[in-house]
Amino acid sequence: AEVAGFVPFSAQTRISGADLAGGGEVRKGASDAILRHSGHIP
């Protein structure tokens, strides 16, 4: 019930996930893609 919308996988982002009803987000994907999306260093 917490899932508000689905973010499909794309070859450009190499990430998929969901936007949550409470305003947050969850993402899963290749290591370098997630690091780039979240702004972290490994």
PDB file of all heavy atoms in Angstrom:
ATOM      1  N   ALA A   1       0.824  -1.220   0.000  1.00  0.00           N
ATOM      2  CA  ALA A   1       0.000   0.000   0.000  1.00  0.00           C
ATOM      3  C   ALA A   1       0.852   1.261   0.000  1.00  0.00           C
ATOM      4  O   ALA A   1       0.353   2.364  -0.308  1.00  0.00           O
ATOM      5  CB  ALA A   1      -0.932  -0.014   1.206  1.00  0.00           C
ATOM      6  N   GLU A   2       2.119   1.169   0.356  1.00  0.00           N
ATOM      7  CA  GLU A   2       2.984   2.345   0.417  1.00  0.00           C
ATOM      8  C   GLU A   2       3.460   2.800  -0.963  1.00  0.00           C
ATOM      9  O   GLU A   2       4.003   3.896  -1.112  1.00  0.00           O
ATOM     10  CB  GLU A   2       4.212   2.064   1.301  1.00  0.00           C
ATOM     11  CG  GLU A   2       3.867   1.810   2.759  1.00  0.00           C
ATOM     12  CD  GLU A   2       5.124   1.649   3.605  1.00  0.00           C
ATOM     13  OE1 GLU A   2       6.191   2.154   3.175  1.00  0.00           O
ATOM     14  OE2 GLU A   2       5.044   1.011   4.674  1.00  0.00           O
ATOM     15  N   VAL A   3       3.317   1.938  -1.996  1.00  0.00           N
ATOM     16  CA  VAL A   3       3.824   2.261  -3.330  1.00  0.00           C
ATOM     17  C   VAL A   3       2.834   3.162  -4.056  1.00  0.00           C
ATOM     18  O   VAL A   3       1.664   2.826  -4.213  1.00  0.00           O
ATOM     19  CB  VAL A   3       4.078   0.971  -4.147  1.00  0.00           C
ATOM     20  CG1 VAL A   3       4.550   1.323  -5.553  1.00  0.00           C
ATOM     21  CG2 VAL A   3       5.105   0.097  -3.448  1.00  0.00           C
ATOM     22  N   ALA A   4       3.331   4.330  -4.492  1.00  0.00           N
ATOM     23  CA  ALA A   4       2.475   5.274  -5.218  1.00  0.00           C
ATOM     24  C   ALA A   4       2.678   5.181  -6.725  1.00  0.00           C
ATOM     25  O   ALA A   4       1.740   5.379  -7.500  1.00  0.00           O
ATOM     26  CB  ALA A   4       2.749   6.698  -4.749  1.00  0.00           C
ATOM     27  N   GLY A   5       3.892   4.876  -7.147  1.00  0.00           N
ATOM     28  CA  GLY A   5       4.161   4.780  -8.589  1.00  0.00           C
ATOM     29  C   GLY A   5       5.428   3.997  -8.849  1.00  0.00           C
ATOM     30  O   GLY A   5       6.357   3.986  -8.030  1.00  0.00           O
ATOM     31  N   PHE A   6       5.448   3.334  -9.994  1.00  0.00           N
ATOM     32  CA  PHE A   6       6.600   2.480 -10.342  1.00  0.00           C
ATOM     33  C   PHE A   6       7.521   3.222 -11.305  1.00  0.00           C
ATOM     34  O   PHE A   6       7.058   3.876 -12.243  1.00  0.00           O
ATOM     35  CB  PHE A   6       6.108   1.174 -10.974  1.00  0.00           C
ATOM     36  CG  PHE A   6       7.209   0.270 -11.448  1.00  0.00           C
ATOM     37  CD1 PHE A   6       8.174  -0.195 -10.568  1.00  0.00           C
ATOM     38  CD2 PHE A   6       7.285  -0.116 -12.776  1.00  0.00           C
ATOM     39  CE1 PHE A   6       9.197  -1.029 -11.008  1.00  0.00           C
ATOM     40  CE2 PHE A   6       8.307  -0.944 -13.221  1.00  0.00           C
ATOM     41  CZ  PHE A   6       9.260  -1.410 -12.334  1.00  0.00           C
ATOM     42  N   VAL A   7       8.819   3.080 -11.096  1.00  0.00           N
ATOM     43  CA  VAL A   7       9.824   3.651 -11.982  1.00  0.00           C
ATOM     44  C   VAL A   7      10.455   2.496 -12.751  1.00  0.00           C
ATOM     45  O   VAL A   7      11.232   1.716 -12.175  1.00  0.00           O
ATOM     46  CB  VAL A   7      10.900   4.420 -11.188  1.00  0.00           C
ATOM     47  CG1 VAL A   7      11.974   4.965 -12.140  1.00  0.00           C
ATOM     48  CG2 VAL A   7      10.263   5.552 -10.388  1.00  0.00           C
ATOM     49  N   PRO A   8      10.118   2.317 -14.027  1.00  0.00           N
ATOM     50  CA  PRO A   8      10.634   1.151 -14.765  1.00  0.00           C
ATOM     51  C   PRO A   8      12.118   1.284 -15.077  1.00  0.00           C
ATOM     52  O   PRO A   8      12.663   2.389 -15.143  1.00  0.00           O
ATOM     53  CB  PRO A   8       9.799   1.153 -16.051  1.00  0.00           C
ATOM     54  CG  PRO A   8       9.405   2.573 -16.241  1.00  0.00           C
ATOM     55  CD  PRO A   8       9.243   3.160 -14.862  1.00  0.00           C
ATOM     56  N   PHE A   9      12.734   0.143 -15.306  1.00  0.00           N
ATOM     57  CA  PHE A   9      14.154   0.107 -15.674  1.00  0.00           C
ATOM     58  C   PHE A   9      14.329   0.686 -17.071  1.00  0.00           C
ATOM     59  O   PHE A   9      13.506   0.476 -17.967  1.00  0.00           O
ATOM     60  CB  PHE A   9      14.654  -1.340 -15.653  1.00  0.00           C
ATOM     61  CG  PHE A   9      16.067  -1.500 -16.134  1.00  0.00           C
ATOM     62  CD1 PHE A   9      17.130  -1.337 -15.268  1.00  0.00           C
ATOM     63  CD2 PHE A   9      16.334  -1.807 -17.460  1.00  0.00           C
ATOM     64  CE1 PHE A   9      18.440  -1.484 -15.703  1.00  0.00           C
ATOM     65  CE2 PHE A   9      17.634  -1.952 -17.918  1.00  0.00           C
ATOM     66  CZ  PHE A   9      18.693  -1.792 -17.031  1.00  0.00           C
ATOM     67  N   SER A  10      15.424   1.412 -17.268  1.00  0.00           N
ATOM     68  CA  SER A  10      15.769   1.898 -18.600  1.00  0.00           C
ATOM     69  C   SER A  10      17.254   1.677 -18.826  1.00  0.00           C
ATOM     70  O   SER A  10      18.048   1.675 -17.871  1.00  0.00           O
ATOM     71  CB  SER A  10      15.434   3.388 -18.757  1.00  0.00           C
ATOM     72  OG  SER A  10      16.359   4.191 -18.043  1.00  0.00           O
ATOM     73  N   ALA A  11      17.603   1.482 -20.086  1.00  0.00           N
ATOM     74  CA  ALA A  11      19.001   1.231 -20.414  1.00  0.00           C
ATOM     75  C   ALA A  11      19.865   2.451 -20.117  1.00  0.00           C
ATOM     76  O   ALA A  11      21.076   2.320 -19.886  1.00  0.00           O
ATOM     77  CB  ALA A  11      19.119   0.855 -21.895  1.00  0.00           C
ATOM     78  N   GLN A  12      19.264   3.644 -20.125  1.00  0.00           N
ATOM     79  CA  GLN A  12      20.038   4.861 -19.874  1.00  0.00           C
ATOM     80  C   GLN A  12      20.395   5.001 -18.391  1.00  0.00           C
ATOM     81  O   GLN A  12      21.544   5.269 -18.030  1.00  0.00           O
ATOM     82  CB  GLN A  12      19.250   6.101 -20.332  1.00  0.00           C
ATOM     83  CG  GLN A  12      19.128   6.247 -21.845  1.00  0.00           C
ATOM     84  CD  GLN A  12      18.145   5.256 -22.436  1.00  0.00           C
ATOM     85  OE1 GLN A  12      17.175   4.871 -21.767  1.00  0.00           O
ATOM     86  NE2 GLN A  12      18.394   4.822 -23.656  1.00  0.00           N
ATOM     87  N   THR A  13      19.408   4.807 -17.521  1.00  0.00           N
ATOM     88  CA  THR A  13      19.657   4.993 -16.085  1.00  0.00           C
ATOM     89  C   THR A  13      20.163   3.730 -15.407  1.00  0.00           C
ATOM     90  O   THR A  13      20.864   3.803 -14.408  1.00  0.00           O
ATOM     91  CB  THR A  13      18.370   5.437 -15.374  1.00  0.00           C
ATOM     92  OG1 THR A  13      17.389   4.389 -15.475  1.00  0.00           O
ATOM     93  CG2 THR A  13      17.809   6.710 -16.004  1.00  0.00           C
ATOM     94  N   ARG A  14      19.784   2.555 -15.944  1.00  0.00           N
ATOM     95  CA  ARG A  14      20.085   1.239 -15.346  1.00  0.00           C
ATOM     96  C   ARG A  14      19.586   1.168 -13.899  1.00  0.00           C
ATOM     97  O   ARG A  14      20.215   0.568 -13.040  1.00  0.00           O
ATOM     98  CB  ARG A  14      21.579   0.933 -15.417  1.00  0.00           C
ATOM     99  CG  ARG A  14      22.078   0.746 -16.838  1.00  0.00           C
ATOM    100  CD  ARG A  14      23.506   0.273 -16.875  1.00  0.00           C
ATOM    101  NE  ARG A  14      24.399   1.274 -16.327  1.00  0.00           N
ATOM    102  CZ  ARG A  14      25.555   0.997 -15.706  1.00  0.00           C
ATOM    103  NH1 ARG A  14      25.934  -0.249 -15.556  1.00  0.00           N
ATOM    104  NH2 ARG A  14      26.313   1.963 -15.239  1.00  0.00           N
ATOM    105  N   ILE A  15      18.439   1.803 -13.664  1.00  0.00           N
ATOM    106  CA  ILE A  15      17.830   1.861 -12.336  1.00  0.00           C
ATOM    107  C   ILE A  15      16.339   1.611 -12.484  1.00  0.00           C
ATOM    108  O   ILE A  15      15.719   1.991 -13.479  1.00  0.00           O
ATOM    109  CB  ILE A  15      18.051   3.258 -11.687  1.00  0.00           C
ATOM    110  CG1 ILE A  15      19.521   3.460 -11.307  1.00  0.00           C
ATOM    111  CG2 ILE A  15      17.178   3.446 -10.450  1.00  0.00           C
ATOM    112  CD1 ILE A  15      19.823   4.855 -10.798  1.00  0.00           C
ATOM    113  N   SER A  16      15.739   0.955 -11.481  1.00  0.00           N
ATOM    114  CA  SER A  16      14.281   0.858 -11.387  1.00  0.00           C
ATOM    115  C   SER A  16      13.908   1.047  -9.930  1.00  0.00           C
ATOM    116  O   SER A  16      14.769   1.052  -9.047  1.00  0.00           O
ATOM    117  CB  SER A  16      13.781  -0.494 -11.906  1.00  0.00           C
ATOM    118  OG  SER A  16      14.257  -1.547 -11.086  1.00  0.00           O
ATOM    119  N   GLY A  17      12.627   1.211  -9.655  1.00  0.00           N
ATOM    120  CA  GLY A  17      12.226   1.392  -8.263  1.00  0.00           C
ATOM    121  C   GLY A  17      10.801   1.871  -8.153  1.00  0.00           C
ATOM    122  O   GLY A  17       9.965   1.609  -9.037  1.00  0.00           O
ATOM    123  N   ALA A  18      10.515   2.599  -7.081  1.00  0.00           N
ATOM    124  CA  ALA A  18       9.151   3.065  -6.831  1.00  0.00           C
ATOM    125  C   ALA A  18       9.185   4.385  -6.076  1.00  0.00           C
ATOM    126  O   ALA A  18      10.111   4.650  -5.290  1.00  0.00           O
ATOM    127  CB  ALA A  18       8.372   2.017  -6.046  1.00  0.00           C
ATOM    128  N   ASP A  19       8.180   5.208  -6.329  1.00  0.00           N
ATOM    129  CA  ASP A  19       7.928   6.407  -5.528  1.00  0.00           C
ATOM    130  C   ASP A  19       6.879   6.047  -4.490  1.00  0.00           C
ATOM    131  O   ASP A  19       5.894   5.361  -4.803  1.00  0.00           O
ATOM    132  CB  ASP A  19       7.435   7.554  -6.413  1.00  0.00           C
ATOM    133  CG  ASP A  19       8.512   8.018  -7.384  1.00  0.00           C
ATOM    134  OD1 ASP A  19       9.706   7.971  -7.008  1.00  0.00           O
ATOM    135  OD2 ASP A  19       8.174   8.382  -8.540  1.00  0.00           O
ATOM    136  N   LEU A  20       7.081   6.501  -3.251  1.00  0.00           N
ATOM    137  CA  LEU A  20       6.236   6.091  -2.138  1.00  0.00           C
ATOM    138  C   LEU A  20       5.141   7.111  -1.852  1.00  0.00           C
ATOM    139  O   LEU A  20       5.275   8.309  -2.159  1.00  0.00           O
ATOM    140  CB  LEU A  20       7.093   5.875  -0.892  1.00  0.00           C
ATOM    141  CG  LEU A  20       8.260   4.882  -1.069  1.00  0.00           C
ATOM    142  CD1 LEU A  20       9.036   4.736   0.227  1.00  0.00           C
ATOM    143  CD2 LEU A  20       7.750   3.530  -1.547  1.00  0.00           C
ATOM    144  N   ALA A  21       4.050   6.603  -1.267  1.00  0.00           N
ATOM    145  CA  ALA A  21       2.891   7.453  -0.985  1.00  0.00           C
ATOM    146  C   ALA A  21       3.248   8.569  -0.012  1.00  0.00           C
ATOM    147  O   ALA A  21       2.688   9.673  -0.071  1.00  0.00           O
ATOM    148  CB  ALA A  21       1.754   6.591  -0.431  1.00  0.00           C
ATOM    149  N   GLY A  22       4.187   8.328   0.868  1.00  0.00           N
ATOM    150  CA  GLY A  22       4.561   9.341   1.858  1.00  0.00           C
ATOM    151  C   GLY A  22       5.552  10.357   1.333  1.00  0.00           C
ATOM    152  O   GLY A  22       6.017  11.208   2.096  1.00  0.00           O
ATOM    153  N   GLY A  23       5.934  10.249   0.075  1.00  0.00           N
ATOM    154  CA  GLY A  23       6.836  11.234  -0.509  1.00  0.00           C
ATOM    155  C   GLY A  23       8.262  10.754  -0.693  1.00  0.00           C
ATOM    156  O   GLY A  23       9.073  11.452  -1.320  1.00  0.00           O
ATOM    157  N   GLY A  24       8.599   9.600  -0.177  1.00  0.00           N
ATOM    158  CA  GLY A  24       9.953   9.095  -0.332  1.00  0.00           C
ATOM    159  C   GLY A  24      10.117   8.312  -1.632  1.00  0.00           C
ATOM    160  O   GLY A  24       9.219   8.230  -2.476  1.00  0.00           O
ATOM    161  N   GLU A  25      11.296   7.693  -1.772  1.00  0.00           N
ATOM    162  CA  GLU A  25      11.575   6.876  -2.955  1.00  0.00           C
ATOM    163  C   GLU A  25      12.479   5.711  -2.576  1.00  0.00           C
ATOM    164  O   GLU A  25      13.220   5.776  -1.589  1.00  0.00           O
ATOM    165  CB  GLU A  25      12.271   7.709  -4.045  1.00  0.00           C
ATOM    166  CG  GLU A  25      13.684   8.147  -3.650  1.00  0.00           C
ATOM    167  CD  GLU A  25      14.481   8.739  -4.802  1.00  0.00           C
ATOM    168  OE1 GLU A  25      13.881   9.385  -5.680  1.00  0.00           O
ATOM    169  OE2 GLU A  25      15.714   8.531  -4.821  1.00  0.00           O
ATOM    170  N   VAL A  26      12.390   4.629  -3.352  1.00  0.00           N
ATOM    171  CA  VAL A  26      13.331   3.508  -3.248  1.00  0.00           C
ATOM    172  C   VAL A  26      13.816   3.196  -4.654  1.00  0.00           C
ATOM    173  O   VAL A  26      13.046   3.260  -5.618  1.00  0.00           O
ATOM    174  CB  VAL A  26      12.687   2.245  -2.612  1.00  0.00           C
ATOM    175  CG1 VAL A  26      12.508   2.409  -1.119  1.00  0.00           C
ATOM    176  CG2 VAL A  26      11.362   1.907  -3.272  1.00  0.00           C
ATOM    177  N   ARG A  27      15.108   2.913  -4.766  1.00  0.00           N
ATOM    178  CA  ARG A  27      15.697   2.609  -6.055  1.00  0.00           C
ATOM    179  C   ARG A  27      16.631   1.411  -5.923  1.00  0.00           C
ATOM    180  O   ARG A  27      17.266   1.211  -4.882  1.00  0.00           O
ATOM    181  CB  ARG A  27      16.496   3.813  -6.599  1.00  0.00           C
ATOM    182  CG  ARG A  27      15.666   5.066  -6.857  1.00  0.00           C
ATOM    183  CD  ARG A  27      14.758   4.900  -8.055  1.00  0.00           C
ATOM    184  NE  ARG A  27      14.094   6.153  -8.420  1.00  0.00           N
ATOM    185  CZ  ARG A  27      12.909   6.544  -7.955  1.00  0.00           C
ATOM    186  NH1 ARG A  27      12.245   5.759  -7.094  1.00  0.00           N
ATOM    187  NH2 ARG A  27      12.384   7.688  -8.342  1.00  0.00           N
ATOM    188  N   LYS A  28      16.693   0.632  -7.002  1.00  0.00           N
ATOM    189  CA  LYS A  28      17.649  -0.475  -7.068  1.00  0.00           C
ATOM    190  C   LYS A  28      18.262  -0.467  -8.459  1.00  0.00           C
ATOM    191  O   LYS A  28      17.618  -0.077  -9.444  1.00  0.00           O
ATOM    192  CB  LYS A  28      16.979  -1.823  -6.783  1.00  0.00           C
ATOM    193  CG  LYS A  28      15.993  -2.301  -7.847  1.00  0.00           C
ATOM    194  CD  LYS A  28      15.403  -3.653  -7.468  1.00  0.00           C
ATOM    195  CE  LYS A  28      14.610  -4.281  -8.617  1.00  0.00           C
ATOM    196  NZ  LYS A  28      13.417  -3.534  -8.995  1.00  0.00           N
ATOM    197  N   GLY A  29      19.534  -0.899  -8.553  1.00  0.00           N
ATOM    198  CA  GLY A  29      20.175  -0.916  -9.856  1.00  0.00           C
ATOM    199  C   GLY A  29      21.647  -1.226  -9.761  1.00  0.00           C
ATOM    200  O   GLY A  29      22.159  -1.632  -8.702  1.00  0.00           O
ATOM    201  N   ALA A  30      22.350  -1.039 -10.878  1.00  0.00           N
ATOM    202  CA  ALA A  30      23.785  -1.295 -10.913  1.00  0.00           C
ATOM    203  C   ALA A  30      24.497  -0.378  -9.927  1.00  0.00           C
ATOM    204  O   ALA A  30      24.063   0.751  -9.658  1.00  0.00           O
ATOM    205  CB  ALA A  30      24.318  -1.080 -12.323  1.00  0.00           C
ATOM    206  N   SER A  31      25.604  -0.857  -9.412  1.00  0.00           N
ATOM    207  CA  SER A  31      26.319  -0.136  -8.358  1.00  0.00           C
ATOM    208  C   SER A  31      26.671   1.285  -8.780  1.00  0.00           C
ATOM    209  O   SER A  31      26.359   2.252  -8.064  1.00  0.00           O
ATOM    210  CB  SER A  31      27.590  -0.905  -7.979  1.00  0.00           C
ATOM    211  OG  SER A  31      28.369  -0.165  -7.076  1.00  0.00           O
ATOM    212  N   ASP A  32      27.301   1.448  -9.924  1.00  0.00           N
ATOM    213  CA  ASP A  32      27.728   2.786 -10.336  1.00  0.00           C
ATOM    214  C   ASP A  32      26.538   3.695 -10.607  1.00  0.00           C
ATOM    215  O   ASP A  32      26.582   4.904 -10.352  1.00  0.00           O
ATOM    216  CB  ASP A  32      28.641   2.702 -11.556  1.00  0.00           C
ATOM    217  CG  ASP A  32      27.956   2.026 -12.748  1.00  0.00           C
ATOM    218  OD1 ASP A  32      27.058   1.190 -12.526  1.00  0.00           O
ATOM    219  OD2 ASP A  32      28.322   2.321 -13.902  1.00  0.00           O
ATOM    220  N   ALA A  33      25.426   3.127 -11.112  1.00  0.00           N
ATOM    221  CA  ALA A  33      24.244   3.929 -11.406  1.00  0.00           C
ATOM    222  C   ALA A  33      23.596   4.444 -10.123  1.00  0.00           C
ATOM    223  O   ALA A  33      23.177   5.616 -10.047  1.00  0.00           O
ATOM    224  CB  ALA A  33      23.244   3.118 -12.217  1.00  0.00           C
ATOM    225  N   ILE A  34      23.486   3.587  -9.114  1.00  0.00           N
ATOM    226  CA  ILE A  34      22.895   3.991  -7.839  1.00  0.00           C
ATOM    227  C   ILE A  34      23.785   5.019  -7.144  1.00  0.00           C
ATOM    228  O   ILE A  34      23.298   6.001  -6.555  1.00  0.00           O
ATOM    229  CB  ILE A  34      22.663   2.769  -6.936  1.00  0.00           C
ATOM    230  CG1 ILE A  34      21.528   1.905  -7.501  1.00  0.00           C
ATOM    231  CG2 ILE A  34      22.339   3.194  -5.501  1.00  0.00           C
ATOM    232  CD1 ILE A  34      20.152   2.527  -7.440  1.00  0.00           C
ATOM    233  N   LEU A  35      25.097   4.817  -7.201  1.00  0.00           N
ATOM    234  CA  LEU A  35      26.015   5.781  -6.583  1.00  0.00           C
ATOM    235  C   LEU A  35      25.880   7.150  -7.246  1.00  0.00           C
ATOM    236  O   LEU A  35      25.874   8.191  -6.574  1.00  0.00           O
ATOM    237  CB  LEU A  35      27.454   5.268  -6.698  1.00  0.00           C
ATOM    238  CG  LEU A  35      27.823   4.075  -5.808  1.00  0.00           C
ATOM    239  CD1 LEU A  35      29.189   3.525  -6.185  1.00  0.00           C
ATOM    240  CD2 LEU A  35      27.807   4.484  -4.331  1.00  0.00           C
ATOM    241  N   ARG A  36      25.751   7.146  -8.574  1.00  0.00           N
ATOM    242  CA  ARG A  36      25.592   8.402  -9.299  1.00  0.00           C
ATOM    243  C   ARG A  36      24.256   9.065  -8.943  1.00  0.00           C
ATOM    244  O   ARG A  36      24.176  10.284  -8.748  1.00  0.00           O
ATOM    245  CB  ARG A  36      25.690   8.126 -10.796  1.00  0.00           C
ATOM    246  CG  ARG A  36      25.740   9.378 -11.655  1.00  0.00           C
ATOM    247  CD  ARG A  36      26.160   9.068 -13.095  1.00  0.00           C
ATOM    248  NE  ARG A  36      25.374   7.988 -13.701  1.00  0.00           N
ATOM    249  CZ  ARG A  36      25.858   6.773 -13.965  1.00  0.00           C
ATOM    250  NH1 ARG A  36      27.119   6.475 -13.668  1.00  0.00           N
ATOM    251  NH2 ARG A  36      25.081   5.849 -14.511  1.00  0.00           N
ATOM    252  N   HIS A  37      23.200   8.240  -8.832  1.00  0.00           N
ATOM    253  CA  HIS A  37      21.867   8.776  -8.516  1.00  0.00           C
ATOM    254  C   HIS A  37      21.822   9.352  -7.101  1.00  0.00           C
ATOM    255  O   HIS A  37      21.203  10.398  -6.865  1.00  0.00           O
ATOM    256  CB  HIS A  37      20.828   7.659  -8.656  1.00  0.00           C
ATOM    257  CG  HIS A  37      19.455   8.046  -8.188  1.00  0.00           C
ATOM    258  ND1 HIS A  37      18.611   8.848  -8.927  1.00  0.00           N
ATOM    259  CD2 HIS A  37      18.786   7.754  -7.022  1.00  0.00           C
ATOM    260  CE1 HIS A  37      17.473   9.027  -8.265  1.00  0.00           C
ATOM    261  NE2 HIS A  37      17.555   8.375  -7.100  1.00  0.00           N
ATOM    262  N   SER A  38      22.479   8.688  -6.159  1.00  0.00           N
ATOM    263  CA  SER A  38      22.406   9.107  -4.754  1.00  0.00           C
ATOM    264  C   SER A  38      23.488  10.113  -4.376  1.00  0.00           C
ATOM    265  O   SER A  38      23.437  10.696  -3.286  1.00  0.00           O
ATOM    266  CB  SER A  38      22.497   7.889  -3.834  1.00  0.00           C
ATOM    267  OG  SER A  38      23.744   7.226  -4.047  1.00  0.00           O
ATOM    268  N   GLY A  39      24.490  10.292  -5.230  1.00  0.00           N
ATOM    269  CA  GLY A  39      25.547  11.260  -4.957  1.00  0.00           C
ATOM    270  C   GLY A  39      26.584  10.763  -3.979  1.00  0.00           C
ATOM    271  O   GLY A  39      27.310  11.570  -3.381  1.00  0.00           O
ATOM    272  N   HIS A  40      26.712   9.449  -3.826  1.00  0.00           N
ATOM    273  CA  HIS A  40      27.690   8.876  -2.893  1.00  0.00           C
ATOM    274  C   HIS A  40      28.943   8.444  -3.650  1.00  0.00           C
ATOM    275  O   HIS A  40      28.933   8.253  -4.876  1.00  0.00           O
ATOM    276  CB  HIS A  40      27.103   7.659  -2.172  1.00  0.00           C
ATOM    277  CG  HIS A  40      26.065   8.011  -1.156  1.00  0.00           C
ATOM    278  ND1 HIS A  40      26.370   8.441   0.116  1.00  0.00           N
ATOM    279  CD2 HIS A  40      24.703   7.996  -1.230  1.00  0.00           C
ATOM    280  CE1 HIS A  40      25.252   8.670   0.791  1.00  0.00           C
ATOM    281  NE2 HIS A  40      24.216   8.403  -0.018  1.00  0.00           N
ATOM    282  N   ILE A  41      30.024   8.261  -2.871  1.00  0.00           N
ATOM    283  CA  ILE A  41      31.211   7.592  -3.389  1.00  0.00           C
ATOM    284  C   ILE A  41      31.224   6.192  -2.789  1.00  0.00           C
ATOM    285  O   ILE A  41      30.707   5.983  -1.689  1.00  0.00           O
ATOM    286  CB  ILE A  41      32.509   8.359  -3.035  1.00  0.00           C
ATOM    287  CG1 ILE A  41      32.663   8.470  -1.507  1.00  0.00           C
ATOM    288  CG2 ILE A  41      32.533   9.734  -3.698  1.00  0.00           C
ATOM    289  CD1 ILE A  41      34.009   9.045  -1.080  1.00  0.00           C
ATOM    290  N   PRO A  42      31.786   5.206  -3.510  1.00  0.00           N
ATOM    291  CA  PRO A  42      31.727   3.830  -2.999  1.00  0.00           C
ATOM    292  C   PRO A  42      32.547   3.660  -1.723  1.00  0.00           C
ATOM    293  O   PRO A  42      33.717   4.054  -1.662  1.00  0.00           O
ATOM    294  CB  PRO A  42      32.309   3.003  -4.151  1.00  0.00           C
ATOM    295  CG  PRO A  42      33.139   3.962  -4.931  1.00  0.00           C
ATOM    296  CD  PRO A  42      32.479   5.292  -4.796  1.00  0.00           C
TER     297      PRO A  42
END
